[in-house]
Amino acid sequence: MAPRRPTDLDRAVDDAAAARSGTGRADPAAFGLPARPACPFCGGEETELYAPFGSALSVATYWCLRCRTAFERFKWQAGG
């Protein structure tokens, strides 16, 4: 069987792995995302990027440390 050619998804996974910080979490700046957006549930800014790709490619998943809730944010949202 011939070796498989890398796909765009393979490259995205490699890029995401390379952008991870020492904490095991993705670095938001590497993806052009805000570091600490406000939580839509409690309004707190004690948030961290959980995954640069959420349920769709156009959203990122964040985790609120204050109310312990996951939320998604559009990547290309006006105002950063």
Protein backbone atom coordinates (compact mmCIF):
# COMPACT_ATOMS: atom_id res chain seq x y z
CA MET A 1 0.00 0.00 0.00
CA ALA A 2 1.35 3.43 -0.95
CA PRO A 3 1.90 6.00 1.82
CA ARG A 4 -0.98 8.41 2.37
CA ARG A 5 -0.51 12.03 1.27
CA PRO A 6 -0.98 14.67 4.00
CA THR A 7 -4.29 16.52 3.86
CA ASP A 8 -5.27 20.04 4.96
CA LEU A 9 -6.64 18.51 8.16
CA ASP A 10 -3.26 16.88 8.86
CA ARG A 11 -1.55 20.23 8.44
CA ALA A 12 -4.10 21.96 10.72
CA VAL A 13 -3.54 19.35 13.42
CA ASP A 14 0.23 19.75 13.11
CA ASP A 15 -0.11 23.56 13.31
CA ALA A 16 -2.34 23.27 16.39
CA ALA A 17 0.11 20.91 18.09
CA ALA A 18 3.00 23.28 17.35
CA ALA A 19 1.05 26.22 18.80
CA ARG A 20 0.37 24.57 22.16
CA SER A 21 1.99 26.16 25.17
CA GLY A 22 3.72 24.27 27.97
CA THR A 23 0.37 23.92 29.77
CA GLY A 24 -1.03 21.64 27.08
CA ARG A 25 -3.51 24.28 25.98
CA ALA A 26 -3.50 25.98 22.61
CA ASP A 27 -2.08 29.51 22.51
CA PRO A 28 -4.91 31.85 21.39
CA ALA A 29 -2.48 34.32 19.79
CA ALA A 30 -1.22 31.61 17.43
CA PHE A 31 -4.72 31.40 15.97
CA GLY A 32 -5.50 35.14 16.04
CA LEU A 33 -7.99 34.67 18.89
CA PRO A 34 -8.50 36.78 22.00
CA ALA A 35 -6.78 35.41 25.10
CA ARG A 36 -9.64 36.01 27.56
CA PRO A 37 -13.04 36.87 26.05
CA ALA A 38 -15.86 37.55 28.51
CA CYS A 39 -18.04 34.58 29.39
CA PRO A 40 -21.54 35.00 27.92
CA PHE A 41 -23.07 33.28 30.97
CA CYS A 42 -21.51 35.04 33.97
CA GLY A 43 -19.63 37.94 32.34
CA GLY A 44 -16.35 36.89 33.94
CA GLU A 45 -13.05 37.23 32.12
CA GLU A 46 -11.39 34.27 33.84
CA THR A 47 -11.52 32.23 30.64
CA GLU A 48 -9.08 30.13 28.64
CA LEU A 49 -9.02 28.69 25.16
CA TYR A 50 -10.15 25.08 25.35
CA ALA A 51 -10.00 24.22 21.63
CA PRO A 52 -9.19 26.41 18.61
CA PHE A 53 -11.83 24.51 16.61
CA GLY A 54 -15.27 24.08 18.13
CA SER A 55 -18.35 22.42 16.69
CA ALA A 56 -17.59 24.18 13.40
CA LEU A 57 -14.40 25.62 11.89
CA SER A 58 -15.76 29.14 12.37
CA VAL A 59 -15.92 28.91 16.17
CA ALA A 60 -13.44 28.37 19.00
CA THR A 61 -14.35 26.73 22.32
CA TYR A 62 -13.44 28.50 25.56
CA TRP A 63 -13.78 27.42 29.19
CA CYS A 64 -14.89 29.79 31.94
CA LEU A 65 -12.98 29.18 35.16
CA ARG A 66 -15.47 31.27 37.14
CA CYS A 67 -18.77 29.49 36.34
CA ARG A 68 -17.13 26.31 34.96
CA THR A 69 -19.00 26.42 31.66
CA ALA A 70 -17.80 25.83 28.12
CA PHE A 71 -18.86 28.33 25.48
CA GLU A 72 -18.19 28.90 21.80
CA ARG A 73 -17.20 32.19 20.19
CA PHE A 74 -17.16 33.05 16.51
CA LYS A 75 -13.57 33.54 15.36
CA TRP A 76 -14.35 36.48 13.11
CA GLN A 77 -16.51 38.41 15.55
CA ALA A 78 -16.46 42.20 15.25
CA GLY A 79 -14.49 43.92 17.99
CA GLY A 80 -11.78 41.27 18.35
